[in-house]
Amino acid sequence: MTERHDGRTGFGNRLRRLREDAGLSGKLLAERLGWPASKVSRLENGRQTASVADVEAWTNVLGASESLRASLVDDLRSMRVEYASWRRQFRGGFAPRQRAARLLEDGTTALSVMQTALVPGLLQTGDYARAVFRGLAALQGPRDVEGAVRERLRRQELLYQSGRRFRFLITEAALRARLVPPPVHRAQLDRLLVLAGLDTVELAVLAQEAELPKATSHSFEIFDDHLVLVETIAAELGVRDPEDIDLYTRLFELYWEIAAHGEDASALITRIALELPR
């Protein structure tokens, strides 16, 4: 789904130079770390991505400076961000990207979605999704709008599978965004009220008057505890660093706590629908 841009080979070379500068063989370093020699080899040759704990142990044994250790950890965290341009992802059209999303979601038990711009794809009606894809087509070029709509609606079958947990946190601004004609907009809001009644779905709305702990800078999705996807205008970023995932998780929970839930969320959605032009 995403293309790796991790620089593991270059990072491994830095670890190797650090070991060689300390005058240690790979075997001796492995003994001091209590690791198999094969792990040192995999890290140095870029066949395995180091963890923060690995880097800290490596630099401690070699007596590296705190500044060097911090530099390596920063580079490691950057390595754990996968960059996938929309241009590349949409090269085969919108529909294949929707099928890839379904595969990722199918392997996920708990999905938390923070959306600041529009209704999340898993909750969209066909007409709403069609308008979204037409807008993308104007920028990105693919024209398989109808195929993409069908695949997006297929993704929603997962909402009805027991044992899954979907949490959708949507800003009021996203629900008010005039991306579609009023009748389509109204039907979309009605659809949200229906889906909020599913056992697998929890829906919350971050009201405009809510006192925020931090500005809502961008949308993101948290897949279990191993991946965060962030969408930008040009690309999708896949974040796998555990510390960064924890940061997104904590931020999501802060927003979730102050958002409107249950009847309060439904009342807010209904009010937005009633305020739409007739």
Foldseek 3Di string as FASTA:
>chain_A
DFDADQCQQVLLCVLVVLCVVLVDDLCVLCVVLVHPSVVNVCSNRSVDQDALVRLVSSCVVSVHDPVVSVVSNVSSQVSQKTKHWVLVVCVVHLLVNLVVVLVLVVPFAEKEKEAEAADDLLLADLVLQLLVVVVVCVPRPHDPSVSNSVSSPVSNVVLQDPRHAYEYEYEPNRLLDPSDALVSSLVSLVSVVVSCPRPRYWYWYQYPPFDAPDDPPFIWMCGHQAWIWTDDPTIIMIGGRNVVSVVVVVNSVRSVVRTDGDPRRNVSSVVSSVPHDD
